[in-house]
Amino acid sequence: MAIADEIRAAVGTVFGLGPLARDLPREARVGGLVFHPLVGAAIGGIAAAAAALTAPLGTLPAAVAAVAVLAGASGGATLRDLLGCRRATAQGAPPLPAGLALAGVVVLGKLWAVCRLPASGRTIALVLAAMLGRWAVVVQCHGGRPVAGRRPGDDLVGRARLREFGWASTIAFGTTLAALDAVGLVVLLAATLTTVGVRVAAYRRAGGLDAPLLGVSLELVEAAVLVVLAALARG
């Protein structure tokens, strides 16, 4: 039953389905962090399927479909986090113009990357990007300093234990290296540096992390992975 609750918590949290995890204790939601990369991989698979279905219409429509699935998987919550519309602290959220610029860069970067990726490599790129984006959330919840807030997910920051961090990292790193071999090291380096960069910036500006900054981490890591893979793609 405990594992079932953790899986339900992971699905509810990742997809932004509050009622699915609302009645679960915090322990179950913290334990559910183990499954975030797996749920993320499933989202990446759905995005790849959307791209494949729209591919006959052209490369750009396929990219738009894939990026729309990634953005809509959380009900658009993570994209709103980038825009700075969900502000937990006045210090932590960027001004609206900066949020718009950041969101624009992320969305355009993802669109460029998916357009550039060859059809044969698009599926694995989307799966890994979505998976590593959710892995970044687990990392931020492990040892992160929480900023006082009452939004869903605020109480997960700093609560992840070695169990959640270790298993989530094993799943994410093992899958990436198995799929990409040596290139996977470059992808993991990009994802790690992006995650650490968000944490450092959050500590300097807000003194810690909150739920919106978890969403920012997710979006930036997704974009970083896709852009790196697109840059390394061969014609």
C-alpha atoms as a PDB file:
ATOM      1  CA  MET A   1       0.000   0.000   0.000  1.00  0.00           C
ATOM      2  CA  ALA A   2       2.876   2.394   0.785  1.00  0.00           C
ATOM      3  CA  ILE A   3       4.352   2.019  -2.705  1.00  0.00           C
ATOM      4  CA  ALA A   4       0.917   2.424  -4.275  1.00  0.00           C
ATOM      5  CA  ASP A   5       0.461   5.669  -2.347  1.00  0.00           C
ATOM      6  CA  GLU A   6       3.886   6.881  -3.446  1.00  0.00           C
ATOM      7  CA  ILE A   7       3.098   6.153  -7.099  1.00  0.00           C
ATOM      8  CA  ARG A   8      -0.233   7.961  -6.765  1.00  0.00           C
ATOM      9  CA  ALA A   9       1.545  10.880  -5.136  1.00  0.00           C
ATOM     10  CA  ALA A  10       4.120  11.004  -7.936  1.00  0.00           C
ATOM     11  CA  VAL A  11       1.488  10.958 -10.686  1.00  0.00           C
ATOM     12  CA  GLY A  12      -0.642  13.548  -8.906  1.00  0.00           C
ATOM     13  CA  THR A  13       2.297  15.866  -8.262  1.00  0.00           C
ATOM     14  CA  VAL A  14       3.932  15.607 -11.678  1.00  0.00           C
ATOM     15  CA  PHE A  15       0.690  16.029 -13.607  1.00  0.00           C
ATOM     16  CA  GLY A  16      -0.599  18.766 -11.315  1.00  0.00           C
ATOM     17  CA  LEU A  17      -3.569  16.650 -10.272  1.00  0.00           C
ATOM     18  CA  GLY A  18      -4.014  17.963  -6.760  1.00  0.00           C
ATOM     19  CA  PRO A  19      -7.050  15.839  -5.817  1.00  0.00           C
ATOM     20  CA  LEU A  20      -5.142  12.645  -6.636  1.00  0.00           C
ATOM     21  CA  ALA A  21      -2.576  13.266  -3.898  1.00  0.00           C
ATOM     22  CA  ARG A  22      -4.430  15.650  -1.609  1.00  0.00           C
ATOM     23  CA  ASP A  23      -5.386  13.079   1.024  1.00  0.00           C
ATOM     24  CA  LEU A  24      -1.941  11.489   1.160  1.00  0.00           C
ATOM     25  CA  PRO A  25       0.452  12.208   4.043  1.00  0.00           C
ATOM     26  CA  ARG A  26       3.620  14.139   3.346  1.00  0.00           C
ATOM     27  CA  GLU A  27       5.645  10.955   3.862  1.00  0.00           C
ATOM     28  CA  ALA A  28       3.942   9.381   0.846  1.00  0.00           C
ATOM     29  CA  ARG A  29       4.502  12.452  -1.287  1.00  0.00           C
ATOM     30  CA  VAL A  30       8.156  12.579  -0.286  1.00  0.00           C
ATOM     31  CA  GLY A  31       8.535   8.863  -1.017  1.00  0.00           C
ATOM     32  CA  GLY A  32       6.843   9.424  -4.355  1.00  0.00           C
ATOM     33  CA  LEU A  33       9.829  11.494  -5.489  1.00  0.00           C
ATOM     34  CA  VAL A  34      11.466   8.157  -6.330  1.00  0.00           C
ATOM     35  CA  PHE A  35       9.013   7.743  -9.192  1.00  0.00           C
ATOM     36  CA  HIS A  36       9.210  11.270 -10.612  1.00  0.00           C
ATOM     37  CA  PRO A  37      11.819  10.372 -13.272  1.00  0.00           C
ATOM     38  CA  LEU A  38       9.708   7.408 -14.413  1.00  0.00           C
ATOM     39  CA  VAL A  39       6.586   9.539 -14.698  1.00  0.00           C
ATOM     40  CA  GLY A  40       8.670  12.109 -16.536  1.00  0.00           C
ATOM     41  CA  ALA A  41       9.864   9.480 -18.999  1.00  0.00           C
ATOM     42  CA  ALA A  42       6.233   8.579 -19.670  1.00  0.00           C
ATOM     43  CA  ILE A  43       5.464  12.243 -20.388  1.00  0.00           C
ATOM     44  CA  GLY A  44       8.399  12.349 -22.794  1.00  0.00           C
ATOM     45  CA  GLY A  45       6.995   9.273 -24.535  1.00  0.00           C
ATOM     46  CA  ILE A  46       3.619  10.987 -24.941  1.00  0.00           C
ATOM     47  CA  ALA A  47       5.354  14.069 -26.346  1.00  0.00           C
ATOM     48  CA  ALA A  48       7.239  11.885 -28.819  1.00  0.00           C
ATOM     49  CA  ALA A  49       3.992  10.204 -29.880  1.00  0.00           C
ATOM     50  CA  ALA A  50       2.393  13.619 -30.428  1.00  0.00           C
ATOM     51  CA  ALA A  51       5.360  14.646 -32.561  1.00  0.00           C
ATOM     52  CA  ALA A  52       5.157  11.461 -34.608  1.00  0.00           C
ATOM     53  CA  LEU A  53       1.423  11.919 -35.217  1.00  0.00           C
ATOM     54  CA  THR A  54       1.881  15.477 -36.447  1.00  0.00           C
ATOM     55  CA  ALA A  55       5.118  14.842 -38.380  1.00  0.00           C
ATOM     56  CA  PRO A  56       3.272  14.511 -41.738  1.00  0.00           C
ATOM     57  CA  LEU A  57       2.292  18.188 -41.325  1.00  0.00           C
ATOM     58  CA  GLY A  58       5.910  19.264 -41.113  1.00  0.00           C
ATOM     59  CA  THR A  59       8.797  19.575 -38.699  1.00  0.00           C
ATOM     60  CA  LEU A  60       7.555  22.719 -36.964  1.00  0.00           C
ATOM     61  CA  PRO A  61       4.050  21.375 -36.225  1.00  0.00           C
ATOM     62  CA  ALA A  62       5.651  18.226 -34.816  1.00  0.00           C
ATOM     63  CA  ALA A  63       7.891  20.328 -32.573  1.00  0.00           C
ATOM     64  CA  VAL A  64       4.972  22.467 -31.442  1.00  0.00           C
ATOM     65  CA  ALA A  65       2.970  19.348 -30.555  1.00  0.00           C
ATOM     66  CA  ALA A  66       5.840  17.866 -28.540  1.00  0.00           C
ATOM     67  CA  VAL A  67       6.594  21.087 -26.659  1.00  0.00           C
ATOM     68  CA  ALA A  68       2.889  21.608 -25.980  1.00  0.00           C
ATOM     69  CA  VAL A  69       2.681  18.177 -24.350  1.00  0.00           C
ATOM     70  CA  LEU A  70       5.727  18.930 -22.194  1.00  0.00           C
ATOM     71  CA  ALA A  71       4.256  22.261 -21.104  1.00  0.00           C
ATOM     72  CA  GLY A  72       0.767  20.889 -20.577  1.00  0.00           C
ATOM     73  CA  ALA A  73       1.810  17.818 -18.599  1.00  0.00           C
ATOM     74  CA  SER A  74       1.658  19.767 -15.341  1.00  0.00           C
ATOM     75  CA  GLY A  75      -1.397  21.726 -16.374  1.00  0.00           C
ATOM     76  CA  GLY A  76       0.914  24.535 -17.462  1.00  0.00           C
ATOM     77  CA  ALA A  77       2.086  25.078 -13.870  1.00  0.00           C
ATOM     78  CA  THR A  78       5.807  24.898 -14.618  1.00  0.00           C
ATOM     79  CA  LEU A  79       5.481  27.350 -17.495  1.00  0.00           C
ATOM     80  CA  ARG A  80       3.669  29.757 -15.177  1.00  0.00           C
ATOM     81  CA  ASP A  81       6.534  29.305 -12.736  1.00  0.00           C
ATOM     82  CA  LEU A  82       8.882  30.587 -15.435  1.00  0.00           C
ATOM     83  CA  LEU A  83       6.638  33.552 -16.097  1.00  0.00           C
ATOM     84  CA  GLY A  84       6.796  34.442 -12.424  1.00  0.00           C
ATOM     85  CA  CYS A  85       3.004  34.303 -12.059  1.00  0.00           C
ATOM     86  CA  ARG A  86       3.189  31.947  -9.077  1.00  0.00           C
ATOM     87  CA  ARG A  87       5.160  33.984  -6.572  1.00  0.00           C
ATOM     88  CA  ALA A  88       5.969  32.459  -3.228  1.00  0.00           C
ATOM     89  CA  THR A  89       8.276  35.276  -2.147  1.00  0.00           C
ATOM     90  CA  ALA A  90       8.760  38.769  -3.448  1.00  0.00           C
ATOM     91  CA  GLN A  91      12.507  38.218  -3.567  1.00  0.00           C
ATOM     92  CA  GLY A  92      12.449  34.840  -5.261  1.00  0.00           C
ATOM     93  CA  ALA A  93      10.215  35.552  -8.249  1.00  0.00           C
ATOM     94  CA  PRO A  94      11.618  37.408 -11.242  1.00  0.00           C
ATOM     95  CA  PRO A  95       9.942  40.592 -12.454  1.00  0.00           C
ATOM     96  CA  LEU A  96       7.320  39.936 -15.105  1.00  0.00           C
ATOM     97  CA  PRO A  97       9.456  41.155 -18.063  1.00  0.00           C
ATOM     98  CA  ALA A  98      12.319  38.901 -16.968  1.00  0.00           C
ATOM     99  CA  GLY A  99       9.891  36.022 -16.541  1.00  0.00           C
ATOM    100  CA  LEU A 100       8.488  36.565 -20.024  1.00  0.00           C
ATOM    101  CA  ALA A 101      11.976  36.671 -21.491  1.00  0.00           C
ATOM    102  CA  LEU A 102      13.017  33.503 -19.677  1.00  0.00           C
ATOM    103  CA  ALA A 103       9.880  31.627 -20.706  1.00  0.00           C
ATOM    104  CA  GLY A 104      10.323  32.785 -24.293  1.00  0.00           C
ATOM    105  CA  VAL A 105      13.926  31.612 -24.426  1.00  0.00           C
ATOM    106  CA  VAL A 106      13.008  28.226 -22.953  1.00  0.00           C
ATOM    107  CA  VAL A 107      10.067  27.612 -25.293  1.00  0.00           C
ATOM    108  CA  LEU A 108      11.938  28.782 -28.388  1.00  0.00           C
ATOM    109  CA  GLY A 109      14.961  26.729 -27.376  1.00  0.00           C
ATOM    110  CA  LYS A 110      12.844  23.606 -27.067  1.00  0.00           C
ATOM    111  CA  LEU A 111      11.161  24.270 -30.418  1.00  0.00           C
ATOM    112  CA  TRP A 112      14.516  24.780 -32.129  1.00  0.00           C
ATOM    113  CA  ALA A 113      15.927  21.653 -30.567  1.00  0.00           C
ATOM    114  CA  VAL A 114      13.006  19.396 -31.500  1.00  0.00           C
ATOM    115  CA  CYS A 115      13.038  20.785 -35.052  1.00  0.00           C
ATOM    116  CA  ARG A 116      16.746  20.092 -35.394  1.00  0.00           C
ATOM    117  CA  LEU A 117      16.674  16.599 -33.922  1.00  0.00           C
ATOM    118  CA  PRO A 118      16.442  13.830 -36.523  1.00  0.00           C
ATOM    119  CA  ALA A 119      13.213  11.849 -36.396  1.00  0.00           C
ATOM    120  CA  SER A 120      15.154   8.760 -35.357  1.00  0.00           C
ATOM    121  CA  GLY A 121      16.516  10.474 -32.264  1.00  0.00           C
ATOM    122  CA  ARG A 122      13.521  12.583 -31.309  1.00  0.00           C
ATOM    123  CA  THR A 123      11.837   9.995 -29.107  1.00  0.00           C
ATOM    124  CA  ILE A 124      14.797   9.253 -26.883  1.00  0.00           C
ATOM    125  CA  ALA A 125      15.621  12.966 -26.619  1.00  0.00           C
ATOM    126  CA  LEU A 126      12.122  13.846 -25.434  1.00  0.00           C
ATOM    127  CA  VAL A 127      12.005  10.924 -23.015  1.00  0.00           C
ATOM    128  CA  LEU A 128      15.364  11.817 -21.478  1.00  0.00           C
ATOM    129  CA  ALA A 129      14.589  15.534 -21.301  1.00  0.00           C
ATOM    130  CA  ALA A 130      11.309  14.987 -19.461  1.00  0.00           C
ATOM    131  CA  MET A 131      12.875  12.373 -17.201  1.00  0.00           C
ATOM    132  CA  LEU A 132      15.879  14.516 -16.253  1.00  0.00           C
ATOM    133  CA  GLY A 133      13.638  17.524 -15.691  1.00  0.00           C
ATOM    134  CA  ARG A 134      11.771  15.580 -12.997  1.00  0.00           C
ATOM    135  CA  TRP A 135      15.060  14.242 -11.635  1.00  0.00           C
ATOM    136  CA  ALA A 136      16.133  17.858 -11.132  1.00  0.00           C
ATOM    137  CA  VAL A 137      13.095  18.390  -8.913  1.00  0.00           C
ATOM    138  CA  VAL A 138      14.185  15.477  -6.718  1.00  0.00           C
ATOM    139  CA  VAL A 139      17.693  16.922  -6.471  1.00  0.00           C
ATOM    140  CA  GLN A 140      16.332  20.301  -5.398  1.00  0.00           C
ATOM    141  CA  CYS A 141      14.211  18.600  -2.742  1.00  0.00           C
ATOM    142  CA  HIS A 142      17.279  16.804  -1.333  1.00  0.00           C
ATOM    143  CA  GLY A 143      19.131  19.034   1.083  1.00  0.00           C
ATOM    144  CA  GLY A 144      17.527  22.165  -0.318  1.00  0.00           C
ATOM    145  CA  ARG A 145      16.781  25.025   2.045  1.00  0.00           C
ATOM    146  CA  PRO A 146      13.014  25.687   1.998  1.00  0.00           C
ATOM    147  CA  VAL A 147      11.545  29.157   1.826  1.00  0.00           C
ATOM    148  CA  ALA A 148       8.371  29.621   3.849  1.00  0.00           C
ATOM    149  CA  GLY A 149       5.348  29.133   1.638  1.00  0.00           C
ATOM    150  CA  ARG A 150       1.959  27.496   1.460  1.00  0.00           C
ATOM    151  CA  ARG A 151       1.805  26.365  -2.136  1.00  0.00           C
ATOM    152  CA  PRO A 152       1.534  22.675  -3.038  1.00  0.00           C
ATOM    153  CA  GLY A 153       5.033  21.260  -3.154  1.00  0.00           C
ATOM    154  CA  ASP A 154       6.629  23.791  -0.810  1.00  0.00           C
ATOM    155  CA  ASP A 155       6.740  21.206   1.950  1.00  0.00           C
ATOM    156  CA  LEU A 156       8.771  18.803  -0.216  1.00  0.00           C
ATOM    157  CA  VAL A 157      11.828  21.048  -0.396  1.00  0.00           C
ATOM    158  CA  GLY A 158      14.533  19.716   1.900  1.00  0.00           C
ATOM    159  CA  ARG A 159      12.528  16.580   2.702  1.00  0.00           C
ATOM    160  CA  ALA A 160      13.925  14.122   0.147  1.00  0.00           C
ATOM    161  CA  ARG A 161      16.061  11.468   1.802  1.00  0.00           C
ATOM    162  CA  LEU A 162      18.994   9.509   0.437  1.00  0.00           C
ATOM    163  CA  ARG A 163      16.476   6.840  -0.632  1.00  0.00           C
ATOM    164  CA  GLU A 164      14.623   9.215  -2.961  1.00  0.00           C
ATOM    165  CA  PHE A 165      17.736  10.974  -4.218  1.00  0.00           C
ATOM    166  CA  GLY A 166      19.671   7.749  -4.732  1.00  0.00           C
ATOM    167  CA  TRP A 167      16.984   5.784  -6.564  1.00  0.00           C
ATOM    168  CA  ALA A 168      15.867   8.718  -8.699  1.00  0.00           C
ATOM    169  CA  SER A 169      19.488   9.389  -9.686  1.00  0.00           C
ATOM    170  CA  THR A 170      20.130   5.722 -10.417  1.00  0.00           C
ATOM    171  CA  ILE A 171      17.100   5.575 -12.699  1.00  0.00           C
ATOM    172  CA  ALA A 172      17.893   8.840 -14.463  1.00  0.00           C
ATOM    173  CA  PHE A 173      21.624   8.327 -14.868  1.00  0.00           C
ATOM    174  CA  GLY A 174      21.373   4.645 -15.737  1.00  0.00           C
ATOM    175  CA  THR A 175      18.753   5.244 -18.420  1.00  0.00           C
ATOM    176  CA  THR A 176      20.657   8.174 -19.922  1.00  0.00           C
ATOM    177  CA  LEU A 177      23.966   6.333 -20.117  1.00  0.00           C
ATOM    178  CA  ALA A 178      22.348   3.168 -21.447  1.00  0.00           C
ATOM    179  CA  ALA A 179      20.619   5.130 -24.191  1.00  0.00           C
ATOM    180  CA  LEU A 180      23.428   7.488 -25.201  1.00  0.00           C
ATOM    181  CA  ASP A 181      26.713   5.935 -24.059  1.00  0.00           C
ATOM    182  CA  ALA A 182      29.436   8.608 -23.912  1.00  0.00           C
ATOM    183  CA  VAL A 183      27.095  11.332 -25.137  1.00  0.00           C
ATOM    184  CA  GLY A 184      25.048  10.648 -22.027  1.00  0.00           C
ATOM    185  CA  LEU A 185      27.879  12.052 -19.906  1.00  0.00           C
ATOM    186  CA  VAL A 186      27.588  15.385 -21.710  1.00  0.00           C
ATOM    187  CA  VAL A 187      23.816  15.394 -21.264  1.00  0.00           C
ATOM    188  CA  LEU A 188      24.083  14.553 -17.569  1.00  0.00           C
ATOM    189  CA  LEU A 189      26.701  17.263 -17.083  1.00  0.00           C
ATOM    190  CA  ALA A 190      24.378  19.828 -18.687  1.00  0.00           C
ATOM    191  CA  ALA A 191      21.446  18.714 -16.544  1.00  0.00           C
ATOM    192  CA  THR A 192      23.533  18.755 -13.366  1.00  0.00           C
ATOM    193  CA  LEU A 193      25.069  22.171 -13.994  1.00  0.00           C
ATOM    194  CA  THR A 194      21.658  23.639 -14.795  1.00  0.00           C
ATOM    195  CA  THR A 195      20.174  22.200 -11.617  1.00  0.00           C
ATOM    196  CA  VAL A 196      23.019  23.483  -9.462  1.00  0.00           C
ATOM    197  CA  GLY A 197      22.858  26.854 -11.191  1.00  0.00           C
ATOM    198  CA  VAL A 198      19.185  27.269 -10.314  1.00  0.00           C
ATOM    199  CA  ARG A 199      19.885  26.377  -6.683  1.00  0.00           C
ATOM    200  CA  VAL A 200      22.761  28.843  -6.395  1.00  0.00           C
ATOM    201  CA  ALA A 201      20.697  31.629  -7.974  1.00  0.00           C
ATOM    202  CA  ALA A 202      17.724  30.807  -5.731  1.00  0.00           C
ATOM    203  CA  TYR A 203      19.855  30.947  -2.596  1.00  0.00           C
ATOM    204  CA  ARG A 204      21.297  34.298  -3.598  1.00  0.00           C
ATOM    205  CA  ARG A 205      17.949  35.876  -4.477  1.00  0.00           C
ATOM    206  CA  ALA A 206      15.487  34.232  -2.115  1.00  0.00           C
ATOM    207  CA  GLY A 207      17.577  32.425   0.477  1.00  0.00           C
ATOM    208  CA  GLY A 208      16.227  29.023  -0.534  1.00  0.00           C
ATOM    209  CA  LEU A 209      13.846  27.073  -2.739  1.00  0.00           C
ATOM    210  CA  ASP A 210      10.073  26.846  -3.050  1.00  0.00           C
ATOM    211  CA  ALA A 211       7.614  25.027  -5.303  1.00  0.00           C
ATOM    212  CA  PRO A 212       7.743  27.574  -8.165  1.00  0.00           C
ATOM    213  CA  LEU A 213      11.522  27.295  -8.281  1.00  0.00           C
ATOM    214  CA  LEU A 214      11.166  23.521  -8.572  1.00  0.00           C
ATOM    215  CA  GLY A 215       9.130  24.178 -11.705  1.00  0.00           C
ATOM    216  CA  VAL A 216      11.795  26.547 -13.010  1.00  0.00           C
ATOM    217  CA  SER A 217      14.428  23.840 -12.473  1.00  0.00           C
ATOM    218  CA  LEU A 218      12.324  21.341 -14.396  1.00  0.00           C
ATOM    219  CA  GLU A 219      11.791  23.645 -17.371  1.00  0.00           C
ATOM    220  CA  LEU A 220      15.417  24.761 -17.614  1.00  0.00           C
ATOM    221  CA  VAL A 221      16.779  21.226 -17.403  1.00  0.00           C
ATOM    222  CA  GLU A 222      14.337  19.993 -20.057  1.00  0.00           C
ATOM    223  CA  ALA A 223      15.461  22.798 -22.349  1.00  0.00           C
ATOM    224  CA  ALA A 224      19.158  22.239 -21.616  1.00  0.00           C
ATOM    225  CA  VAL A 225      18.944  18.523 -22.423  1.00  0.00           C
ATOM    226  CA  LEU A 226      17.066  19.065 -25.666  1.00  0.00           C
ATOM    227  CA  VAL A 227      19.387  21.852 -26.810  1.00  0.00           C
ATOM    228  CA  VAL A 228      22.523  19.828 -26.038  1.00  0.00           C
ATOM    229  CA  LEU A 229      21.209  16.790 -27.893  1.00  0.00           C
ATOM    230  CA  ALA A 230      20.141  18.941 -30.851  1.00  0.00           C
ATOM    231  CA  ALA A 231      23.541  20.614 -30.953  1.00  0.00           C
ATOM    232  CA  LEU A 232      25.245  17.221 -30.978  1.00  0.00           C
ATOM    233  CA  ALA A 233      22.873  15.747 -33.556  1.00  0.00           C
ATOM    234  CA  ARG A 234      24.300  14.878 -36.940  1.00  0.00           C
ATOM    235  CA  GLY A 235      22.391  16.222 -39.889  1.00  0.00           C
END
